[in-house]
PDB file of N, CA and C in Angstrom:
ATOM      1  N   MET A   1     101.832  64.764  54.072  1.00  0.00           N
ATOM      2  CA  MET A   1     101.234  64.160  55.245  1.00  0.00           C
ATOM      3  C   MET A   1     102.382  63.805  56.196  1.00  0.00           C
ATOM      4  N   ASN A   2     102.257  64.213  57.447  1.00  0.00           N
ATOM      5  CA  ASN A   2     103.340  63.903  58.374  1.00  0.00           C
ATOM      6  C   ASN A   2     103.329  62.424  58.754  1.00  0.00           C
ATOM      7  N   GLN A   3     104.412  61.997  59.371  1.00  0.00           N
ATOM      8  CA  GLN A   3     104.585  60.564  59.614  1.00  0.00           C
ATOM      9  C   GLN A   3     103.601  60.007  60.639  1.00  0.00           C
ATOM     10  N   MET A   4     103.211  60.786  61.628  1.00  0.00           N
ATOM     11  CA  MET A   4     102.254  60.289  62.626  1.00  0.00           C
ATOM     12  C   MET A   4     100.893  60.020  61.990  1.00  0.00           C
ATOM     13  N   ALA A   5     100.469  60.912  61.103  1.00  0.00           N
ATOM     14  CA  ALA A   5      99.202  60.689  60.399  1.00  0.00           C
ATOM     15  C   ALA A   5      99.320  59.467  59.490  1.00  0.00           C
ATOM     16  N   TRP A   6     100.493  59.291  58.852  1.00  0.00           N
ATOM     17  CA  TRP A   6     100.680  58.118  58.005  1.00  0.00           C
ATOM     18  C   TRP A   6     100.635  56.840  58.833  1.00  0.00           C
ATOM     19  N   PHE A   7     101.252  56.854  60.018  1.00  0.00           N
ATOM     20  CA  PHE A   7     101.202  55.672  60.885  1.00  0.00           C
ATOM     21  C   PHE A   7      99.771  55.328  61.273  1.00  0.00           C
ATOM     22  N   LEU A   8      98.961  56.325  61.544  1.00  0.00           N
ATOM     23  CA  LEU A   8      97.561  56.094  61.896  1.00  0.00           C
ATOM     24  C   LEU A   8      96.797  55.497  60.711  1.00  0.00           C
ATOM     25  N   VAL A   9      96.989  56.066  59.520  1.00  0.00           N
ATOM     26  CA  VAL A   9      96.316  55.550  58.327  1.00  0.00           C
ATOM     27  C   VAL A   9      96.796  54.136  58.007  1.00  0.00           C
ATOM     28  N   ALA A  10      98.104  53.887  58.156  1.00  0.00           N
ATOM     29  CA  ALA A  10      98.652  52.556  57.881  1.00  0.00           C
ATOM     30  C   ALA A  10      98.135  51.532  58.894  1.00  0.00           C
ATOM     31  N   TRP A  11      98.005  51.946  60.147  1.00  0.00           N
ATOM     32  CA  TRP A  11      97.495  51.039  61.178  1.00  0.00           C
ATOM     33  C   TRP A  11      96.038  50.670  60.899  1.00  0.00           C
ATOM     34  N   VAL A  12      95.225  51.663  60.565  1.00  0.00           N
ATOM     35  CA  VAL A  12      93.815  51.407  60.256  1.00  0.00           C
ATOM     36  C   VAL A  12      93.699  50.565  58.984  1.00  0.00           C
ATOM     37  N   GLY A  13      94.457  50.920  57.951  1.00  0.00           N
ATOM     38  CA  GLY A  13      94.409  50.172  56.698  1.00  0.00           C
ATOM     39  C   GLY A  13      94.877  48.743  56.870  1.00  0.00           C
ATOM     40  N   GLY A  14      95.949  48.552  57.620  1.00  0.00           N
ATOM     41  CA  GLY A  14      96.439  47.201  57.867  1.00  0.00           C
ATOM     42  C   GLY A  14      95.461  46.371  58.675  1.00  0.00           C
ATOM     43  N   SER A  15      94.857  46.994  59.680  1.00  0.00           N
ATOM     44  CA  SER A  15      93.861  46.279  60.492  1.00  0.00           C
ATOM     45  C   SER A  15      92.654  45.876  59.653  1.00  0.00           C
ATOM     46  N   LEU A  16      92.179  46.795  58.815  1.00  0.00           N
ATOM     47  CA  LEU A  16      91.045  46.478  57.945  1.00  0.00           C
ATOM     48  C   LEU A  16      91.399  45.384  56.942  1.00  0.00           C
ATOM     49  N   ALA A  17      92.602  45.444  56.398  1.00  0.00           N
ATOM     50  CA  ALA A  17      93.014  44.440  55.419  1.00  0.00           C
ATOM     51  C   ALA A  17      93.110  43.055  56.057  1.00  0.00           C
ATOM     52  N   ILE A  18      93.707  42.978  57.237  1.00  0.00           N
ATOM     53  CA  ILE A  18      93.845  41.687  57.913  1.00  0.00           C
ATOM     54  C   ILE A  18      92.482  41.163  58.347  1.00  0.00           C
ATOM     55  N   LEU A  19      91.679  42.009  58.997  1.00  0.00           N
ATOM     56  CA  LEU A  19      90.360  41.587  59.467  1.00  0.00           C
ATOM     57  C   LEU A  19      89.474  41.177  58.297  1.00  0.00           C
ATOM     58  N   GLY A  20      89.457  41.969  57.247  1.00  0.00           N
ATOM     59  CA  GLY A  20      88.631  41.649  56.085  1.00  0.00           C
ATOM     60  C   GLY A  20      89.070  40.386  55.387  1.00  0.00           C
ATOM     61  N   SER A  21      90.384  40.167  55.297  1.00  0.00           N
ATOM     62  CA  SER A  21      90.875  38.950  54.651  1.00  0.00           C
ATOM     63  C   SER A  21      90.504  37.709  55.451  1.00  0.00           C
ATOM     64  N   LEU A  22      90.682  37.768  56.757  1.00  0.00           N
ATOM     65  CA  LEU A  22      90.324  36.617  57.593  1.00  0.00           C
ATOM     66  C   LEU A  22      88.813  36.376  57.599  1.00  0.00           C
ATOM     67  N   MET A  23      88.046  37.452  57.623  1.00  0.00           N
ATOM     68  CA  MET A  23      86.589  37.291  57.563  1.00  0.00           C
ATOM     69  C   MET A  23      86.160  36.713  56.221  1.00  0.00           C
ATOM     70  N   THR A  24      86.839  37.101  55.142  1.00  0.00           N
ATOM     71  CA  THR A  24      86.516  36.550  53.825  1.00  0.00           C
ATOM     72  C   THR A  24      86.791  35.060  53.791  1.00  0.00           C
ATOM     73  N   LEU A  25      87.931  34.645  54.326  1.00  0.00           N
ATOM     74  CA  LEU A  25      88.223  33.212  54.390  1.00  0.00           C
ATOM     75  C   LEU A  25      87.170  32.465  55.209  1.00  0.00           C
ATOM     76  N   GLY A  26      86.795  33.044  56.336  1.00  0.00           N
ATOM     77  CA  GLY A  26      85.777  32.411  57.168  1.00  0.00           C
ATOM     78  C   GLY A  26      84.423  32.341  56.500  1.00  0.00           C
ATOM     79  N   SER A  27      84.043  33.401  55.798  1.00  0.00           N
ATOM     80  CA  SER A  27      82.736  33.385  55.142  1.00  0.00           C
ATOM     81  C   SER A  27      82.719  32.426  53.952  1.00  0.00           C
ATOM     82  N   LEU A  28      83.865  32.281  53.275  1.00  0.00           N
ATOM     83  CA  LEU A  28      83.928  31.303  52.189  1.00  0.00           C
ATOM     84  C   LEU A  28      83.881  29.878  52.735  1.00  0.00           C
ATOM     85  N   LEU A  29      84.489  29.649  53.879  1.00  0.00           N
ATOM     86  CA  LEU A  29      84.392  28.333  54.513  1.00  0.00           C
ATOM     87  C   LEU A  29      82.962  28.051  54.970  1.00  0.00           C
ATOM     88  N   LEU A  30      82.249  29.101  55.347  1.00  0.00           N
ATOM     89  CA  LEU A  30      80.865  28.927  55.782  1.00  0.00           C
ATOM     90  C   LEU A  30      79.982  28.407  54.647  1.00  0.00           C
ATOM     91  N   TRP A  31      80.343  28.724  53.405  1.00  0.00           N
ATOM     92  CA  TRP A  31      79.579  28.220  52.264  1.00  0.00           C
ATOM     93  C   TRP A  31      79.700  26.706  52.133  1.00  0.00           C
ATOM     94  N   LEU A  32      80.779  26.132  52.683  1.00  0.00           N
ATOM     95  CA  LEU A  32      80.981  24.688  52.585  1.00  0.00           C
ATOM     96  C   LEU A  32      80.195  23.909  53.633  1.00  0.00           C
ATOM     97  N   VAL A  33      79.765  24.593  54.691  1.00  0.00           N
ATOM     98  CA  VAL A  33      79.049  23.925  55.772  1.00  0.00           C
ATOM     99  C   VAL A  33      77.607  23.678  55.333  1.00  0.00           C
ATOM    100  N   PRO A  34      77.172  22.413  55.355  1.00  0.00           N
ATOM    101  CA  PRO A  34      75.779  22.153  54.976  1.00  0.00           C
ATOM    102  C   PRO A  34      74.831  22.687  56.045  1.00  0.00           C
ATOM    103  N   ARG A  35      73.685  23.073  55.620  1.00  0.00           N
ATOM    104  CA  ARG A  35      72.672  23.585  56.544  1.00  0.00           C
ATOM    105  C   ARG A  35      72.143  22.430  57.364  1.00  0.00           C
ATOM    106  N   SER A  36      72.217  22.548  58.671  1.00  0.00           N
ATOM    107  CA  SER A  36      71.814  21.437  59.533  1.00  0.00           C
ATOM    108  C   SER A  36      70.352  21.554  59.925  1.00  0.00           C
ATOM    109  N   GLY A  37      69.642  20.435  59.841  1.00  0.00           N
ATOM    110  CA  GLY A  37      68.252  20.404  60.275  1.00  0.00           C
ATOM    111  C   GLY A  37      67.323  21.114  59.316  1.00  0.00           C
ATOM    112  N   SER A  38      66.073  21.071  59.647  1.00  0.00           N
ATOM    113  CA  SER A  38      65.075  21.765  58.839  1.00  0.00           C
ATOM    114  C   SER A  38      64.598  22.996  59.586  1.00  0.00           C
ATOM    115  N   LYS A  39      63.832  23.811  58.905  1.00  0.00           N
ATOM    116  CA  LYS A  39      63.328  25.033  59.531  1.00  0.00           C
ATOM    117  C   LYS A  39      62.395  24.725  60.698  1.00  0.00           C
ATOM    118  N   ALA A  40      61.653  23.654  60.583  1.00  0.00           N
ATOM    119  CA  ALA A  40      60.683  23.333  61.616  1.00  0.00           C
ATOM    120  C   ALA A  40      61.355  22.915  62.921  1.00  0.00           C
ATOM    121  N   SER A  41      62.570  22.351  62.842  1.00  0.00           N
ATOM    122  CA  SER A  41      63.231  21.892  64.054  1.00  0.00           C
ATOM    123  C   SER A  41      63.953  23.012  64.785  1.00  0.00           C
ATOM    124  N   LYS A  42      64.166  24.155  64.149  1.00  0.00           N
ATOM    125  CA  LYS A  42      64.848  25.276  64.788  1.00  0.00           C
ATOM    126  C   LYS A  42      63.870  26.062  65.651  1.00  0.00           C
ATOM    127  N   PRO A  43      64.347  26.576  66.792  1.00  0.00           N
ATOM    128  CA  PRO A  43      63.481  27.460  67.580  1.00  0.00           C
ATOM    129  C   PRO A  43      63.168  28.738  66.804  1.00  0.00           C
ATOM    130  N   ASP A  44      62.029  29.339  67.100  1.00  0.00           N
ATOM    131  CA  ASP A  44      61.568  30.507  66.340  1.00  0.00           C
ATOM    132  C   ASP A  44      62.502  31.704  66.469  1.00  0.00           C
ATOM    133  N   GLY A  45      63.086  31.913  67.645  1.00  0.00           N
ATOM    134  CA  GLY A  45      63.905  33.093  67.858  1.00  0.00           C
ATOM    135  C   GLY A  45      65.319  32.969  67.336  1.00  0.00           C
ATOM    136  N   GLU A  46      65.741  31.780  66.935  1.00  0.00           N
ATOM    137  CA  GLU A  46      67.126  31.581  66.545  1.00  0.00           C
ATOM    138  C   GLU A  46      67.416  32.041  65.118  1.00  0.00           C
ATOM    139  N   ARG A  47      66.493  31.908  64.214  1.00  0.00           N
ATOM    140  CA  ARG A  47      66.700  32.278  62.820  1.00  0.00           C
ATOM    141  C   ARG A  47      65.870  33.503  62.472  1.00  0.00           C
ATOM    142  N   SER A  48      66.353  34.266  61.510  1.00  0.00           N
ATOM    143  CA  SER A  48      65.600  35.417  61.045  1.00  0.00           C
ATOM    144  C   SER A  48      64.428  34.934  60.209  1.00  0.00           C
ATOM    145  N   PRO A  49      63.216  35.341  60.531  1.00  0.00           N
ATOM    146  CA  PRO A  49      62.066  34.871  59.755  1.00  0.00           C
ATOM    147  C   PRO A  49      62.024  35.520  58.380  1.00  0.00           C
ATOM    148  N   GLY A  50      61.817  34.714  57.374  1.00  0.00           N
ATOM    149  CA  GLY A  50      61.629  35.226  56.023  1.00  0.00           C
ATOM    150  C   GLY A  50      62.898  35.485  55.243  1.00  0.00           C
ATOM    151  N   ILE A  51      64.079  35.377  55.860  1.00  0.00           N
ATOM    152  CA  ILE A  51      65.327  35.630  55.144  1.00  0.00           C
ATOM    153  C   ILE A  51      66.013  34.287  54.913  1.00  0.00           C
ATOM    154  N   PRO A  52      66.207  33.905  53.659  1.00  0.00           N
ATOM    155  CA  PRO A  52      66.885  32.633  53.381  1.00  0.00           C
ATOM    156  C   PRO A  52      68.333  32.648  53.865  1.00  0.00           C
ATOM    157  N   ASP A  53      68.846  31.464  54.128  1.00  0.00           N
ATOM    158  CA  ASP A  53      70.196  31.320  54.671  1.00  0.00           C
ATOM    159  C   ASP A  53      71.257  31.833  53.694  1.00  0.00           C
ATOM    160  N   TRP A  54      71.062  31.624  52.392  1.00  0.00           N
ATOM    161  CA  TRP A  54      72.074  32.034  51.428  1.00  0.00           C
ATOM    162  C   TRP A  54      72.198  33.552  51.343  1.00  0.00           C
ATOM    163  N   GLN A  55      71.113  34.286  51.619  1.00  0.00           N
ATOM    164  CA  GLN A  55      71.196  35.749  51.580  1.00  0.00           C
ATOM    165  C   GLN A  55      72.065  36.276  52.714  1.00  0.00           C
ATOM    166  N   ASN A  56      71.964  35.650  53.892  1.00  0.00           N
ATOM    167  CA  ASN A  56      72.813  36.062  54.998  1.00  0.00           C
ATOM    168  C   ASN A  56      74.278  35.763  54.693  1.00  0.00           C
ATOM    169  N   ARG A  57      74.536  34.647  54.025  1.00  0.00           N
ATOM    170  CA  ARG A  57      75.913  34.308  53.666  1.00  0.00           C
ATOM    171  C   ARG A  57      76.463  35.279  52.624  1.00  0.00           C
ATOM    172  N   VAL A  58      75.631  35.686  51.686  1.00  0.00           N
ATOM    173  CA  VAL A  58      76.066  36.662  50.672  1.00  0.00           C
ATOM    174  C   VAL A  58      76.376  38.001  51.336  1.00  0.00           C
ATOM    175  N   LYS A  59      75.538  38.425  52.273  1.00  0.00           N
ATOM    176  CA  LYS A  59      75.777  39.692  52.978  1.00  0.00           C
ATOM    177  C   LYS A  59      77.089  39.645  53.756  1.00  0.00           C
ATOM    178  N   LEU A  60      77.337  38.542  54.466  1.00  0.00           N
ATOM    179  CA  LEU A  60      78.567  38.408  55.227  1.00  0.00           C
ATOM    180  C   LEU A  60      79.787  38.412  54.317  1.00  0.00           C
ATOM    181  N   THR A  61      79.705  37.718  53.202  1.00  0.00           N
ATOM    182  CA  THR A  61      80.820  37.695  52.256  1.00  0.00           C
ATOM    183  C   THR A  61      81.057  39.084  51.664  1.00  0.00           C
ATOM    184  N   ALA A  62      79.992  39.801  51.349  1.00  0.00           N
ATOM    185  CA  ALA A  62      80.134  41.145  50.775  1.00  0.00           C
ATOM    186  C   ALA A  62      80.750  42.116  51.783  1.00  0.00           C
ATOM    187  N   VAL A  63      80.329  42.056  53.026  1.00  0.00           N
ATOM    188  CA  VAL A  63      80.886  42.947  54.048  1.00  0.00           C
ATOM    189  C   VAL A  63      82.364  42.643  54.271  1.00  0.00           C
ATOM    190  N   SER A  64      82.710  41.367  54.329  1.00  0.00           N
ATOM    191  CA  SER A  64      84.104  41.014  54.569  1.00  0.00           C
ATOM    192  C   SER A  64      84.988  41.404  53.389  1.00  0.00           C
ATOM    193  N   LEU A  65      84.508  41.216  52.170  1.00  0.00           N
ATOM    194  CA  LEU A  65      85.268  41.662  51.000  1.00  0.00           C
ATOM    195  C   LEU A  65      85.399  43.188  50.976  1.00  0.00           C
ATOM    196  N   GLY A  66      84.353  43.873  51.371  1.00  0.00           N
ATOM    197  CA  GLY A  66      84.406  45.334  51.426  1.00  0.00           C
ATOM    198  C   GLY A  66      85.442  45.844  52.421  1.00  0.00           C
ATOM    199  N   LEU A  67      85.527  45.200  53.587  1.00  0.00           N
ATOM    200  CA  LEU A  67      86.534  45.595  54.571  1.00  0.00           C
ATOM    201  C   LEU A  67      87.945  45.348  54.045  1.00  0.00           C
ATOM    202  N   ALA A  68      88.151  44.193  53.420  1.00  0.00           N
ATOM    203  CA  ALA A  68      89.478  43.881  52.887  1.00  0.00           C
ATOM    204  C   ALA A  68      89.872  44.859  51.781  1.00  0.00           C
ATOM    205  N   ILE A  69      88.955  45.156  50.887  1.00  0.00           N
ATOM    206  CA  ILE A  69      89.250  46.086  49.787  1.00  0.00           C
ATOM    207  C   ILE A  69      89.514  47.488  50.325  1.00  0.00           C
ATOM    208  N   ALA A  70      88.747  47.920  51.320  1.00  0.00           N
ATOM    209  CA  ALA A  70      88.967  49.246  51.912  1.00  0.00           C
ATOM    210  C   ALA A  70      90.336  49.325  52.572  1.00  0.00           C
ATOM    211  N   GLY A  71      90.731  48.282  53.278  1.00  0.00           N
ATOM    212  CA  GLY A  71      92.041  48.283  53.927  1.00  0.00           C
ATOM    213  C   GLY A  71      93.179  48.316  52.932  1.00  0.00           C
ATOM    214  N   PHE A  72      93.110  47.465  51.907  1.00  0.00           N
ATOM    215  CA  PHE A  72      94.163  47.463  50.893  1.00  0.00           C
ATOM    216  C   PHE A  72      94.181  48.771  50.112  1.00  0.00           C
ATOM    217  N   SER A  73      93.012  49.369  49.903  1.00  0.00           N
ATOM    218  CA  SER A  73      92.959  50.658  49.194  1.00  0.00           C
ATOM    219  C   SER A  73      93.649  51.750  49.990  1.00  0.00           C
ATOM    220  N   LEU A  74      93.439  51.772  51.305  1.00  0.00           N
ATOM    221  CA  LEU A  74      94.124  52.767  52.134  1.00  0.00           C
ATOM    222  C   LEU A  74      95.640  52.595  52.058  1.00  0.00           C
ATOM    223  N   LEU A  75      96.088  51.350  52.058  1.00  0.00           N
ATOM    224  CA  LEU A  75      97.524  51.105  51.999  1.00  0.00           C
ATOM    225  C   LEU A  75      98.116  51.488  50.643  1.00  0.00           C
ATOM    226  N   VAL A  76      97.329  51.371  49.576  1.00  0.00           N
ATOM    227  CA  VAL A  76      97.823  51.735  48.244  1.00  0.00           C
ATOM    228  C   VAL A  76      97.780  53.247  48.039  1.00  0.00           C
ATOM    229  N   VAL A  77      96.732  53.898  48.508  1.00  0.00           N
ATOM    230  CA  VAL A  77      96.555  55.336  48.273  1.00  0.00           C
ATOM    231  C   VAL A  77      97.562  56.166  49.069  1.00  0.00           C
ATOM    232  N   PHE A  78      97.908  55.712  50.286  1.00  0.00           N
ATOM    233  CA  PHE A  78      98.842  56.452  51.133  1.00  0.00           C
ATOM    234  C   PHE A  78     100.134  55.655  51.298  1.00  0.00           C
ATOM    235  N   PRO A  79     101.057  55.760  50.332  1.00  0.00           N
ATOM    236  CA  PRO A  79     102.314  55.019  50.451  1.00  0.00           C
ATOM    237  C   PRO A  79     103.213  55.639  51.532  1.00  0.00           C
ATOM    238  N   PHE A  80     104.256  54.930  51.875  1.00  0.00           N
ATOM    239  CA  PHE A  80     105.183  55.418  52.907  1.00  0.00           C
ATOM    240  C   PHE A  80     105.829  56.728  52.455  1.00  0.00           C
ATOM    241  N   PRO A  81     105.817  57.761  53.334  1.00  0.00           N
ATOM    242  CA  PRO A  81     106.434  59.041  52.946  1.00  0.00           C
ATOM    243  C   PRO A  81     107.950  58.944  52.984  1.00  0.00           C
ATOM    244  N   LEU A  82     108.580  59.176  51.839  1.00  0.00           N
ATOM    245  CA  LEU A  82     110.034  59.064  51.749  1.00  0.00           C
ATOM    246  C   LEU A  82     110.738  60.401  51.965  1.00  0.00           C
ATOM    247  N   HIS A  83     110.026  61.485  52.039  1.00  0.00           N
ATOM    248  CA  HIS A  83     110.648  62.807  52.156  1.00  0.00           C
ATOM    249  C   HIS A  83     110.833  63.176  53.594  1.00  0.00           C
TER     250      HIS A  83
END
């Protein structure tokens, strides 16, 4: 693999790793935030009807972990070309 292609893969992998790691930290912090108010006090259009709050948090955590793992995997699979 030539060096320009490696730079592109490293840039994408590094961006995914950083973005996914920061999103993972943010989504884990979101688990600490207590749910404010009751369902009846929220406007109808603000929350997704029928989907519990914890399911949305699990989805966000899974997506952020997936991005971080994909980024780190790209960096491991394509090491720096020494030749």
